[in-house]
Amino acid sequence: MAYKDFLIDKRILQRNIDKGLVDAKQYDKLLTSLPDRAENAATAALEDDLTDIDEGEDEDEDDEDEEG
């Protein structure tokens, strides 16, 4: 990752804006200039499978093993 890219890393961006290392207006301009890549997005579906919990498995069973 180039140093310039590191400045706008979303995990530390706000801190860099607060320090004056990144200009918020220039960052917004950069974001609006990026192409829309929505057609490349992939979706994933997760099944709502809570049967293990619904069948009455007791979470406290693990605690009993640790006590003895």
Protein backbone atom coordinates (compact mmCIF):
# COMPACT_ATOMS: atom_id res chain seq x y z
CA MET A 1 0.00 0.00 0.00
CA ALA A 2 1.40 3.37 -0.95
CA TYR A 3 1.83 6.02 1.76
CA LYS A 4 -0.84 8.18 0.14
CA ASP A 5 -3.29 5.28 0.31
CA PHE A 6 -2.41 4.79 3.98
CA LEU A 7 -3.52 8.36 4.74
CA ILE A 8 -7.02 7.66 3.47
CA ASP A 9 -7.35 4.18 4.98
CA LYS A 10 -10.90 4.17 6.37
CA ARG A 11 -9.71 2.85 9.74
CA ILE A 12 -7.64 5.99 10.44
CA LEU A 13 -9.12 8.54 8.05
CA GLN A 14 -10.91 10.68 10.65
CA ARG A 15 -7.76 10.93 12.75
CA ASN A 16 -5.78 12.07 9.69
CA ILE A 17 -8.45 14.66 8.86
CA ASP A 18 -8.35 15.94 12.45
CA LYS A 19 -4.54 16.20 12.28
CA GLY A 20 -4.74 18.08 8.99
CA LEU A 21 -2.93 15.37 7.05
CA VAL A 22 -5.97 14.85 4.81
CA ASP A 23 -8.25 17.61 3.55
CA ALA A 24 -11.88 16.52 3.99
CA LYS A 25 -13.00 18.41 0.87
CA GLN A 26 -10.32 16.79 -1.27
CA TYR A 27 -11.23 13.38 0.15
CA ASP A 28 -14.92 13.93 -0.69
CA LYS A 29 -13.90 14.98 -4.20
CA LEU A 30 -11.84 11.80 -4.52
CA LEU A 31 -14.80 9.66 -3.43
CA THR A 32 -17.15 11.26 -5.94
CA SER A 33 -14.60 10.72 -8.74
CA LEU A 34 -14.45 6.96 -8.17
CA PRO A 35 -16.34 4.83 -10.69
CA ASP A 36 -19.47 2.96 -9.65
CA ARG A 37 -18.59 -0.72 -9.38
CA ALA A 38 -22.00 -1.96 -8.23
CA GLU A 39 -22.20 -4.37 -11.15
CA ASN A 40 -19.14 -6.19 -9.78
CA ALA A 41 -20.65 -6.73 -6.33
CA ALA A 42 -21.42 -10.23 -5.17
CA THR A 43 -24.15 -11.10 -2.74
CA ALA A 44 -24.23 -13.88 -0.20
CA ALA A 45 -27.25 -15.34 1.51
CA LEU A 46 -27.03 -16.90 4.94
CA GLU A 47 -29.58 -19.39 6.09
CA ASP A 48 -31.26 -18.65 9.37
CA ASP A 49 -30.27 -21.92 11.03
CA LEU A 50 -30.78 -21.71 14.77
CA THR A 51 -31.91 -25.31 15.19
CA ASP A 52 -29.04 -26.17 17.57
CA ILE A 53 -30.15 -23.49 19.99
CA ASP A 54 -33.84 -24.26 19.54
CA GLU A 55 -33.33 -27.96 20.29
CA GLY A 56 -32.36 -27.17 23.85
CA GLU A 57 -28.59 -27.43 23.90
CA ASP A 58 -27.53 -26.05 27.24
CA GLU A 59 -24.72 -23.52 27.15
CA ASP A 60 -24.05 -24.10 30.87
CA GLU A 61 -22.81 -27.66 30.20
CA ASP A 62 -19.36 -26.30 29.34
CA ASP A 63 -19.19 -24.44 32.66
CA GLU A 64 -19.78 -27.64 34.63
CA ASP A 65 -16.76 -29.30 33.02
CA GLU A 66 -14.50 -26.43 34.05
CA GLU A 67 -15.63 -26.48 37.69
CA GLY A 68 -14.88 -30.16 38.31
